Amino acid sequence: MEWKGVRCLRGVEGVCWCGYLWVAVCMGDTAFVVVYSRDSKYSAYVVVAAVESTLRSVDVYMLRWDRDIDVVERVARLGNRYRRVVVGFPILTPQVLYVAHLVRLLRRYVPRAILVAGGPHATGDPLGTLTKLGFDVVVYGEGEDTVVEMLNEVDGGGDYRVCGTAYMDGDKLVVKKRSGCVDLDRYPPYPYWRELFCPIEIMRGCVSACRFCQVSYMFGRPRYRSIERVVEYAEIMWSRGLRDLRFIAPNSFAYGSADGIRPNVSTVLELLERLRSRASRYGGRIFFGSFPSEVRPDSVVEDLVRELRKLVDNKRVIIGAQSGSNRVLKAIHRGHTIEDVFEATEILLRYGFSVDIDFIFGLPGETREDIEATIKAMERLAMMGAKIHAHTFIPLPGTPFDSAPPGRVDPEVRKVVAKLIGLGKAYGEWIEQEKLAQMIHDLRAKRMVYTRREWASRARFLYC
């Protein structure tokens, strides 16, 4: 809704505040309800931003299931007020049991609602998401273009099974794959008009195709949000009183590069220089190459790091090593060596950065020699002054390793990591991740989750 040039939020009962006036909100025929949790809020913000910046005829609601205890009741009330209700869930694999519970309740109390699943779990296992969790349709891959097209069709009385979705046709899984990729510049990175912000996604997709990671298999080759758009949305965030600017990228140092691995130094520096000039106006801070992103070791080059220290506020950079064994690194398709990790760490330390190194324990196919190589690498890096960020392998749906056994942390690795934690040289959620890996393995054994090989054998792929 627009009133005297000021956009008013749809999907708010009664009235809403538009600048300096309270204005009545017109209710539409279609409601889109995004049901999410704290762990999936970034995905929810991205989808809401895409829909509200594109469609004016659809009213959008956001409900957090880990905070709003009356989610089903509130959706049911919307079902009584709207001709069409679409309920979307961005799903992570550890959430599937609770999501299945919510879907059962929604089926009972809001039978007319169209239930849509998205996120990494839905793309990794569309068959299980449809047949075991009970959804009508899956958003397969990137969400923005597909959700916008779907809601536009539904609002006009059309079919929700648009390009970019997966659905059941009898006992056959149909996957309609989009041939193109989302243009990140087309949509805002967050719905700032709702005063909701998150790290700006500056890069999506990855060419590395690591066998344990979902990114390449969901998003394909890398592409980037333009410098102009990144600066624009950073300034909006700073102008609203937020101070710290962070980014989402599978490899921050590769922003603007041709392959997503080797850095385009001039482009990265141009981005950071333009952000630095704006940050000073607002007292803003820039965090690049740190949480919630990381950098590949083979993207760390001296020409970039030398200038980086002058432009960013973070003193810590996260490097993805994953293993200390070159044999394992080759087997998991990392495309770098442990020597690259040592060299990258040395460069970053030389220019005043602290360094965290990601390692994944219990990777498929590890031998005793591989485990010992990882222990030696961690000890050497800790002696250099780096900190170990410890993880346990999780067999994520849709990856080449989705049928592998759950990660188990070797007893000797446990001792070494415990010692490093005591010295303040290691940290991480590796113990909790070991439990999650077992949980996903159990879900697979109970046929709540399917591997890609299992569901692809029952799928008919269409390309659009």
Protein backbone atom coordinates (compact mmCIF):
# COMPACT_ATOMS: atom_id res chain seq x y z
CA MET A 1 0.00 0.00 0.00
CA GLU A 2 1.30 3.47 -0.86
CA TRP A 3 -0.02 6.67 0.70
CA LYS A 4 1.42 10.05 -0.26
CA GLY A 5 4.65 8.38 -1.34
CA VAL A 6 5.13 6.45 1.91
CA ARG A 7 4.96 2.66 1.81
CA CYS A 8 2.69 1.17 4.44
CA LEU A 9 3.15 -2.39 5.62
CA ARG A 10 0.50 -4.82 4.50
CA GLY A 11 -0.68 -7.61 6.70
CA VAL A 12 -1.07 -5.48 9.83
CA GLU A 13 -4.47 -5.36 11.47
CA GLY A 14 -6.28 -2.03 11.66
CA VAL A 15 -3.73 0.73 11.22
CA CYS A 16 0.00 1.18 10.85
CA TRP A 17 2.46 4.02 11.35
CA CYS A 18 3.61 5.65 8.11
CA GLY A 19 6.08 8.40 8.85
CA TYR A 20 3.92 10.81 10.80
CA LEU A 21 0.40 9.49 10.18
CA TRP A 22 -1.65 6.51 11.26
CA VAL A 23 -3.19 5.03 8.13
CA ALA A 24 -5.75 2.27 7.74
CA VAL A 25 -4.46 -0.87 6.05
CA CYS A 26 -6.45 -2.51 3.26
CA MET A 27 -6.61 -6.27 3.60
CA GLY A 28 -5.98 -8.28 0.47
CA ASP A 29 -7.34 -11.64 -0.69
CA THR A 30 -4.09 -13.54 -0.07
CA ALA A 31 -1.99 -13.90 3.07
CA PHE A 32 1.55 -15.22 3.11
CA VAL A 33 2.60 -16.41 6.56
CA VAL A 34 6.29 -17.11 7.16
CA VAL A 35 6.76 -19.48 10.11
CA TYR A 36 10.37 -19.60 11.24
CA SER A 37 12.70 -19.91 14.22
CA ARG A 38 15.71 -18.06 15.50
CA ASP A 39 17.97 -20.45 13.58
CA SER A 40 16.20 -19.82 10.27
CA LYS A 41 15.50 -16.11 10.62
CA TYR A 42 18.02 -15.01 7.96
CA SER A 43 16.19 -17.10 5.35
CA ALA A 44 12.85 -15.72 6.55
CA TYR A 45 14.07 -12.12 6.27
CA VAL A 46 15.32 -12.70 2.72
CA VAL A 47 12.00 -14.17 1.55
CA VAL A 48 9.90 -11.48 3.25
CA ALA A 49 12.07 -8.77 1.73
CA ALA A 50 11.62 -10.26 -1.74
CA VAL A 51 7.84 -10.58 -1.45
CA GLU A 52 7.09 -7.23 0.16
CA SER A 53 9.39 -5.31 -2.20
CA THR A 54 7.74 -6.94 -5.24
CA LEU A 55 4.08 -7.80 -4.56
CA ARG A 56 1.69 -5.18 -3.22
CA SER A 57 -1.42 -7.37 -3.31
CA VAL A 58 -0.23 -10.03 -0.83
CA ASP A 59 -0.30 -9.45 2.93
CA VAL A 60 2.76 -10.84 4.70
CA TYR A 61 2.90 -12.08 8.30
CA MET A 62 5.88 -13.36 10.26
CA LEU A 63 5.51 -15.85 13.12
CA ARG A 64 8.35 -17.35 15.18
CA TRP A 65 7.48 -20.82 16.38
CA ASP A 66 10.13 -20.76 19.13
CA ARG A 67 8.67 -17.56 20.56
CA ASP A 68 4.97 -17.40 19.61
CA ILE A 69 3.21 -20.31 21.32
CA ASP A 70 -0.06 -19.69 19.44
CA VAL A 71 1.30 -20.07 15.87
CA VAL A 72 -1.40 -22.50 14.73
CA GLU A 73 -4.19 -20.45 16.31
CA ARG A 74 -2.96 -17.27 14.65
CA VAL A 75 -2.72 -18.93 11.24
CA ALA A 76 -6.23 -20.34 11.76
CA ARG A 77 -7.57 -16.82 12.39
CA LEU A 78 -5.96 -15.66 9.16
CA GLY A 79 -7.60 -18.59 7.39
CA ASN A 80 -10.99 -17.21 8.44
CA ARG A 81 -10.20 -13.73 7.10
CA TYR A 82 -8.48 -14.44 3.78
CA ARG A 83 -9.66 -16.29 0.70
CA ARG A 84 -6.18 -17.75 0.22
CA VAL A 85 -3.50 -18.50 2.84
CA VAL A 86 0.01 -19.67 1.97
CA VAL A 87 2.19 -20.78 4.89
CA GLY A 88 5.95 -20.96 4.26
CA PHE A 89 8.56 -22.68 6.42
CA PRO A 90 12.33 -22.27 5.93
CA ILE A 91 13.61 -25.58 7.34
CA LEU A 92 16.89 -26.85 8.72
CA THR A 93 17.29 -30.62 9.06
CA PRO A 94 17.47 -30.68 12.90
CA GLN A 95 14.02 -29.04 12.94
CA VAL A 96 12.11 -31.67 10.95
CA LEU A 97 10.32 -33.41 13.84
CA TYR A 98 8.88 -30.21 15.27
CA VAL A 99 8.00 -28.88 11.81
CA ALA A 100 6.14 -32.14 11.10
CA HIS A 101 4.17 -31.59 14.33
CA LEU A 102 3.21 -28.04 13.31
CA VAL A 103 2.20 -29.18 9.82
CA ARG A 104 -0.11 -31.84 11.27
CA LEU A 105 -1.84 -29.19 13.39
CA LEU A 106 -2.15 -26.79 10.47
CA ARG A 107 -3.68 -29.55 8.35
CA ARG A 108 -6.30 -30.06 11.06
CA TYR A 109 -7.17 -26.45 11.83
CA VAL A 110 -6.40 -24.64 8.55
CA PRO A 111 -7.20 -27.27 5.89
CA ARG A 112 -7.41 -24.72 3.06
CA ALA A 113 -3.87 -23.42 3.61
CA ILE A 114 -1.16 -24.15 1.04
CA LEU A 115 1.87 -25.39 2.98
CA VAL A 116 5.23 -24.55 1.42
CA ALA A 117 8.67 -25.72 2.57
CA GLY A 118 11.94 -24.05 1.68
CA GLY A 119 15.48 -23.84 2.98
CA PRO A 120 18.38 -26.29 2.86
CA HIS A 121 16.49 -29.32 4.16
CA ALA A 122 13.63 -28.99 1.67
CA THR A 123 16.03 -28.72 -1.27
CA GLY A 124 18.27 -31.49 0.09
CA ASP A 125 15.34 -33.89 0.54
CA PRO A 126 12.19 -32.80 -1.32
CA LEU A 127 10.70 -36.31 -1.23
CA GLY A 128 10.84 -36.64 2.54
CA THR A 129 9.67 -33.05 2.99
CA LEU A 130 6.55 -33.73 0.92
CA THR A 131 5.69 -37.29 1.97
CA LYS A 132 6.93 -37.40 5.57
CA LEU A 133 6.52 -33.82 6.76
CA GLY A 134 3.27 -33.30 4.86
CA PHE A 135 3.91 -30.19 2.75
CA ASP A 136 2.05 -29.42 -0.47
CA VAL A 137 5.05 -28.06 -2.31
CA VAL A 138 8.79 -27.48 -1.90
CA VAL A 139 10.73 -24.43 -3.06
CA TYR A 140 13.67 -26.17 -4.70
CA GLY A 141 16.91 -24.19 -4.60
CA GLU A 142 16.92 -20.41 -4.34
CA GLY A 143 13.72 -18.95 -2.99
CA GLU A 144 13.14 -15.35 -4.01
CA ASP A 145 12.06 -15.67 -7.65
CA THR A 146 10.09 -18.85 -7.00
CA VAL A 147 8.17 -17.56 -3.97
CA VAL A 148 7.31 -14.29 -5.69
CA GLU A 149 6.06 -16.12 -8.79
CA MET A 150 4.14 -18.65 -6.68
CA LEU A 151 2.34 -15.99 -4.62
CA ASN A 152 1.54 -13.99 -7.73
CA GLU A 153 -0.06 -17.09 -9.27
CA VAL A 154 -1.96 -18.02 -6.12
CA ASP A 155 -3.22 -14.46 -5.68
CA GLY A 156 -4.61 -14.60 -9.21
CA GLY A 157 -6.26 -17.97 -8.66
CA GLY A 158 -3.53 -19.95 -10.44
CA ASP A 159 -1.43 -23.02 -9.71
CA TYR A 160 1.23 -22.88 -6.99
CA ARG A 161 3.40 -25.49 -8.75
CA VAL A 162 5.50 -22.91 -10.57
CA CYS A 163 9.03 -23.13 -11.92
CA GLY A 164 11.45 -23.77 -9.07
CA THR A 165 9.18 -26.09 -7.08
CA ALA A 166 8.95 -29.80 -6.30
CA TYR A 167 5.69 -31.64 -5.67
CA MET A 168 4.14 -35.09 -5.78
CA ASP A 169 2.24 -36.32 -8.83
CA GLY A 170 0.76 -39.54 -7.54
CA ASP A 171 3.73 -41.52 -6.26
CA LYS A 172 6.15 -39.66 -8.53
CA LEU A 173 8.27 -36.71 -7.37
CA VAL A 174 8.31 -33.85 -9.88
CA VAL A 175 11.17 -31.34 -9.64
CA LYS A 176 10.88 -28.23 -11.81
CA LYS A 177 14.37 -26.76 -11.82
CA ARG A 178 15.01 -23.13 -12.72
CA SER A 179 17.62 -22.71 -15.42
CA GLY A 180 18.72 -19.29 -14.17
CA CYS A 181 19.99 -17.91 -10.88
CA VAL A 182 18.58 -15.17 -8.65
CA ASP A 183 19.98 -11.70 -9.29
CA LEU A 184 20.93 -10.56 -5.79
CA ASP A 185 20.55 -6.91 -6.81
CA ARG A 186 16.87 -7.45 -7.60
CA TYR A 187 15.83 -7.83 -3.96
CA PRO A 188 16.79 -6.17 -0.66
CA PRO A 189 18.86 -8.36 1.69
CA TYR A 190 16.39 -7.78 4.55
CA PRO A 191 13.00 -6.07 5.14
CA TYR A 192 14.40 -2.84 6.58
CA TRP A 193 10.94 -1.23 6.48
CA ARG A 194 10.02 -3.68 9.26
CA GLU A 195 13.17 -2.66 11.18
CA LEU A 196 14.49 -6.20 10.64
CA PHE A 197 18.17 -6.53 9.73
CA CYS A 198 20.72 -9.30 9.28
CA PRO A 199 24.19 -9.63 7.74
CA ILE A 200 24.18 -8.60 4.08
CA GLU A 201 24.55 -11.50 1.66
CA ILE A 202 27.23 -10.31 -0.76
CA MET A 203 27.96 -13.65 -2.42
CA ARG A 204 25.82 -16.71 -3.17
CA GLY A 205 26.93 -20.03 -4.63
CA CYS A 206 30.25 -21.82 -4.70
CA VAL A 207 32.25 -23.62 -7.37
CA SER A 208 34.18 -25.82 -4.92
CA ALA A 209 31.41 -28.41 -4.42
CA CYS A 210 32.84 -29.76 -1.16
CA ARG A 211 31.23 -33.12 -0.59
CA PHE A 212 29.95 -32.31 2.92
CA CYS A 213 28.47 -28.86 2.15
CA GLN A 214 25.03 -27.94 0.77
CA VAL A 215 25.96 -24.55 -0.75
CA SER A 216 27.14 -25.64 -4.22
CA TYR A 217 24.30 -28.13 -4.58
CA MET A 218 21.63 -25.56 -3.64
CA PHE A 219 22.92 -22.43 -5.33
CA GLY A 220 25.31 -23.39 -8.12
CA ARG A 221 28.07 -21.10 -9.31
CA PRO A 222 28.92 -17.91 -7.40
CA ARG A 223 27.44 -14.53 -8.08
CA TYR A 224 27.55 -11.26 -6.17
CA ARG A 225 25.51 -8.33 -4.93
CA SER A 226 26.92 -5.20 -6.56
CA ILE A 227 29.03 -2.72 -4.66
CA GLU A 228 26.36 -0.05 -5.19
CA ARG A 229 23.63 -2.17 -3.60
CA VAL A 230 25.84 -3.33 -0.71
CA VAL A 231 26.72 0.26 0.12
CA GLU A 232 23.08 1.34 -0.20
CA TYR A 233 21.79 -1.24 2.26
CA ALA A 234 24.72 -0.77 4.63
CA GLU A 235 23.91 2.92 4.83
CA ILE A 236 20.25 2.16 5.52
CA MET A 237 21.30 -0.09 8.40
CA TRP A 238 23.71 2.46 9.87
CA SER A 239 21.17 5.26 9.50
CA ARG A 240 18.69 3.25 11.62
CA GLY A 241 21.12 3.20 14.52
CA LEU A 242 22.76 -0.19 14.02
CA ARG A 243 26.51 -0.10 14.34
CA ASP A 244 28.08 -3.38 13.23
CA LEU A 245 27.97 -4.43 9.58
CA ARG A 246 28.55 -8.11 8.80
CA PHE A 247 28.31 -10.17 5.63
CA ILE A 248 27.21 -13.58 4.39
CA ALA A 249 29.47 -15.24 1.83
CA PRO A 250 30.89 -18.73 1.39
CA ASN A 251 34.29 -17.10 0.81
CA SER A 252 34.42 -13.41 1.71
CA PHE A 253 37.84 -12.71 0.19
CA ALA A 254 36.60 -13.91 -3.21
CA TYR A 255 33.95 -11.20 -3.54
CA GLY A 256 33.70 -10.17 -7.19
CA SER A 257 36.09 -12.87 -8.44
CA ALA A 258 35.62 -14.98 -11.55
CA ASP A 259 35.74 -18.35 -9.80
CA GLY A 260 34.79 -17.59 -6.20
CA ILE A 261 38.22 -18.74 -4.99
CA ARG A 262 41.11 -16.53 -6.05
CA PRO A 263 40.44 -12.98 -4.88
CA ASN A 264 39.75 -10.00 -7.08
CA VAL A 265 41.78 -7.68 -4.87
CA SER A 266 40.74 -4.42 -6.53
CA THR A 267 37.03 -5.22 -6.23
CA VAL A 268 37.25 -6.24 -2.56
CA LEU A 269 39.20 -3.10 -1.73
CA GLU A 270 36.79 -0.88 -3.65
CA LEU A 271 33.87 -2.34 -1.71
CA LEU A 272 35.57 -1.84 1.65
CA GLU A 273 36.87 1.64 0.84
CA ARG A 274 33.39 2.83 -0.13
CA LEU A 275 31.89 1.28 2.98
CA ARG A 276 34.62 2.79 5.16
CA SER A 277 33.85 6.28 3.87
CA ARG A 278 30.18 5.88 4.85
CA ALA A 279 30.81 4.10 8.14
CA SER A 280 32.65 7.12 9.54
CA ARG A 281 29.51 9.24 9.15
CA TYR A 282 27.52 6.97 11.46
CA GLY A 283 30.14 5.56 13.78
CA GLY A 284 29.66 2.23 12.02
CA ARG A 285 31.99 -0.75 12.12
CA ILE A 286 32.84 -3.23 9.33
CA PHE A 287 33.44 -6.94 9.95
CA PHE A 288 34.76 -8.80 6.90
CA GLY A 289 36.01 -12.37 6.76
CA SER A 290 34.64 -13.09 10.23
CA PHE A 291 31.41 -14.54 11.63
CA PRO A 292 29.00 -15.48 10.06
CA SER A 293 31.31 -16.01 7.08
CA GLU A 294 34.76 -17.45 6.53
CA VAL A 295 37.52 -17.42 3.92
CA ARG A 296 39.22 -20.18 1.97
CA PRO A 297 42.96 -20.44 2.70
CA ASP A 298 43.80 -20.22 -1.01
CA SER A 299 42.03 -16.83 -1.17
CA VAL A 300 44.36 -15.25 1.41
CA VAL A 301 46.98 -13.23 -0.47
CA GLU A 302 49.37 -10.66 0.91
CA ASP A 303 48.30 -7.83 -1.42
CA LEU A 304 44.77 -8.01 -0.04
CA VAL A 305 45.56 -8.60 3.63
CA ARG A 306 48.05 -5.72 3.74
CA GLU A 307 45.29 -3.22 2.83
CA LEU A 308 42.49 -5.03 4.62
CA ARG A 309 43.75 -4.24 8.09
CA LYS A 310 43.25 -0.51 7.41
CA LEU A 311 39.67 -0.89 6.25
CA VAL A 312 37.94 -3.31 8.63
CA ASP A 313 37.22 -3.31 12.34
CA ASN A 314 37.44 -7.03 13.04
CA LYS A 315 40.75 -8.29 14.34
CA ARG A 316 39.83 -11.94 13.74
CA VAL A 317 39.48 -13.85 10.45
CA ILE A 318 38.03 -17.38 10.10
CA ILE A 319 39.75 -19.82 7.71
CA GLY A 320 38.12 -23.05 6.54
CA ALA A 321 40.71 -25.82 6.74
CA GLN A 322 38.42 -28.80 7.57
CA SER A 323 41.22 -31.40 7.76
CA GLY A 324 44.95 -31.61 8.35
CA SER A 325 45.31 -34.48 5.88
CA ASN A 326 45.98 -33.68 2.25
CA ARG A 327 44.51 -37.05 1.29
CA VAL A 328 41.22 -36.19 3.02
CA LEU A 329 41.20 -32.67 1.60
CA LYS A 330 41.42 -34.13 -1.89
CA ALA A 331 38.75 -36.74 -1.14
CA ILE A 332 36.25 -34.15 0.13
CA HIS A 333 36.96 -31.92 -2.89
CA ARG A 334 38.33 -28.92 -0.98
CA GLY A 335 40.78 -27.92 -3.70
CA HIS A 336 43.51 -26.70 -1.33
CA THR A 337 46.21 -28.25 0.84
CA ILE A 338 47.10 -28.01 4.52
CA GLU A 339 50.19 -26.08 3.42
CA ASP A 340 47.83 -23.42 2.04
CA VAL A 341 46.30 -23.18 5.53
CA PHE A 342 49.69 -22.65 7.18
CA GLU A 343 50.63 -19.98 4.63
CA ALA A 344 47.31 -18.13 4.95
CA THR A 345 47.57 -18.17 8.74
CA GLU A 346 51.11 -16.79 8.62
CA ILE A 347 50.07 -13.93 6.31
CA LEU A 348 47.11 -12.92 8.46
CA LEU A 349 49.12 -13.07 11.69
CA ARG A 350 51.89 -11.00 10.11
CA TYR A 351 49.46 -8.14 9.46
CA GLY A 352 47.93 -8.13 12.91
CA PHE A 353 44.90 -10.39 12.56
CA SER A 354 43.96 -13.16 14.94
CA VAL A 355 43.01 -16.36 13.13
CA ASP A 356 40.38 -19.04 13.80
CA ILE A 357 40.72 -22.29 11.84
CA ASP A 358 37.72 -24.53 11.12
CA PHE A 359 38.29 -28.27 11.41
CA ILE A 360 35.68 -31.00 10.91
CA PHE A 361 36.16 -34.23 12.87
CA GLY A 362 34.85 -37.62 11.80
CA LEU A 363 34.83 -37.00 8.05
CA PRO A 364 33.95 -40.09 5.99
CA GLY A 365 36.87 -42.34 5.10
CA GLU A 366 39.37 -40.97 7.63
CA THR A 367 42.18 -43.33 8.53
CA ARG A 368 44.40 -43.32 11.62
CA GLU A 369 47.08 -41.55 9.57
CA ASP A 370 44.58 -38.84 8.55
CA ILE A 371 43.52 -38.29 12.16
CA GLU A 372 47.13 -37.99 13.28
CA ALA A 373 47.80 -35.49 10.48
CA THR A 374 44.85 -33.38 11.66
CA ILE A 375 46.09 -33.47 15.27
CA LYS A 376 49.57 -32.36 14.19
CA ALA A 377 48.11 -29.57 12.05
CA MET A 378 45.96 -28.27 14.91
CA GLU A 379 48.88 -28.32 17.32
CA ARG A 380 51.12 -26.51 14.84
CA LEU A 381 48.50 -23.86 14.14
CA ALA A 382 47.89 -23.35 17.86
CA MET A 383 51.64 -22.86 18.37
CA MET A 384 51.62 -20.26 15.57
CA GLY A 385 48.97 -18.33 17.51
CA ALA A 386 45.76 -19.45 15.80
CA LYS A 387 42.64 -20.73 17.54
CA ILE A 388 40.92 -23.98 16.50
CA HIS A 389 37.19 -23.86 15.73
CA ALA A 390 36.07 -27.45 16.24
CA HIS A 391 33.21 -29.12 14.33
CA THR A 392 31.88 -32.64 13.89
CA PHE A 393 30.82 -33.99 10.49
CA ILE A 394 27.03 -33.99 9.90
CA PRO A 395 25.61 -35.96 6.92
CA LEU A 396 23.48 -33.17 5.45
CA PRO A 397 20.71 -34.06 2.97
CA GLY A 398 21.43 -33.35 -0.68
CA THR A 399 25.21 -33.59 -0.38
CA PRO A 400 27.40 -36.40 -1.75
CA PHE A 401 28.03 -37.44 1.86
CA ASP A 402 24.34 -37.58 2.85
CA SER A 403 24.42 -41.37 3.19
CA ALA A 404 27.65 -41.45 5.22
CA PRO A 405 27.72 -42.57 8.86
CA PRO A 406 27.36 -39.82 11.47
CA GLY A 407 30.58 -38.10 12.51
CA ARG A 408 32.39 -39.57 15.49
CA VAL A 409 35.17 -37.72 17.26
CA ASP A 410 38.23 -39.90 17.75
CA PRO A 411 39.26 -40.29 21.45
CA GLU A 412 42.72 -38.88 20.77
CA VAL A 413 41.19 -35.87 19.03
CA ARG A 414 38.95 -35.35 22.07
CA LYS A 415 41.98 -35.21 24.34
CA VAL A 416 43.84 -32.76 22.13
CA VAL A 417 40.86 -30.45 21.66
CA ALA A 418 40.03 -30.53 25.38
CA LYS A 419 43.62 -29.53 26.13
CA LEU A 420 43.51 -26.70 23.59
CA ILE A 421 40.18 -25.48 25.00
CA GLY A 422 41.77 -25.39 28.46
CA LEU A 423 44.58 -23.26 27.06
CA GLY A 424 42.09 -20.91 25.37
CA LYS A 425 43.20 -22.09 21.93
CA ALA A 426 40.06 -23.93 20.78
CA TYR A 427 36.28 -23.66 20.95
CA GLY A 428 33.20 -24.88 19.11
CA GLU A 429 29.93 -26.81 19.17
CA TRP A 430 31.56 -30.09 18.18
CA ILE A 431 30.01 -32.14 20.98
CA GLU A 432 26.49 -30.91 20.17
CA GLN A 433 27.12 -31.48 16.47
CA GLU A 434 28.06 -35.10 17.17
CA LYS A 435 24.58 -35.53 18.69
CA LEU A 436 22.94 -33.80 15.70
CA ALA A 437 24.80 -36.09 13.30
CA GLN A 438 23.43 -39.12 15.12
CA MET A 439 19.92 -37.63 15.14
CA ILE A 440 19.98 -37.14 11.35
CA HIS A 441 21.31 -40.67 10.92
CA ASP A 442 18.39 -41.95 13.03
CA LEU A 443 15.88 -39.94 10.97
CA ARG A 444 17.32 -41.51 7.84
CA ALA A 445 17.03 -44.98 9.37
CA LYS A 446 13.37 -44.27 10.22
CA ARG A 447 12.72 -43.11 6.62
CA MET A 448 11.89 -39.57 7.73
CA VAL A 449 14.80 -38.32 5.62
CA TYR A 450 15.95 -39.61 2.23
CA THR A 451 19.34 -39.41 0.55
CA ARG A 452 19.65 -37.72 -2.83
CA ARG A 453 20.18 -41.06 -4.55
CA GLU A 454 16.96 -42.38 -2.99
CA TRP A 455 14.74 -39.48 -3.91
CA ALA A 456 16.29 -38.80 -7.31
CA SER A 457 15.48 -42.36 -8.37
CA ARG A 458 11.79 -41.50 -7.89
CA ALA A 459 11.96 -38.05 -9.47
CA ARG A 460 11.05 -36.62 -12.83
CA PHE A 461 13.13 -33.50 -13.53
CA LEU A 462 11.74 -30.69 -15.65
CA TYR A 463 13.82 -27.65 -16.63
CA CYS A 464 12.26 -24.22 -16.98
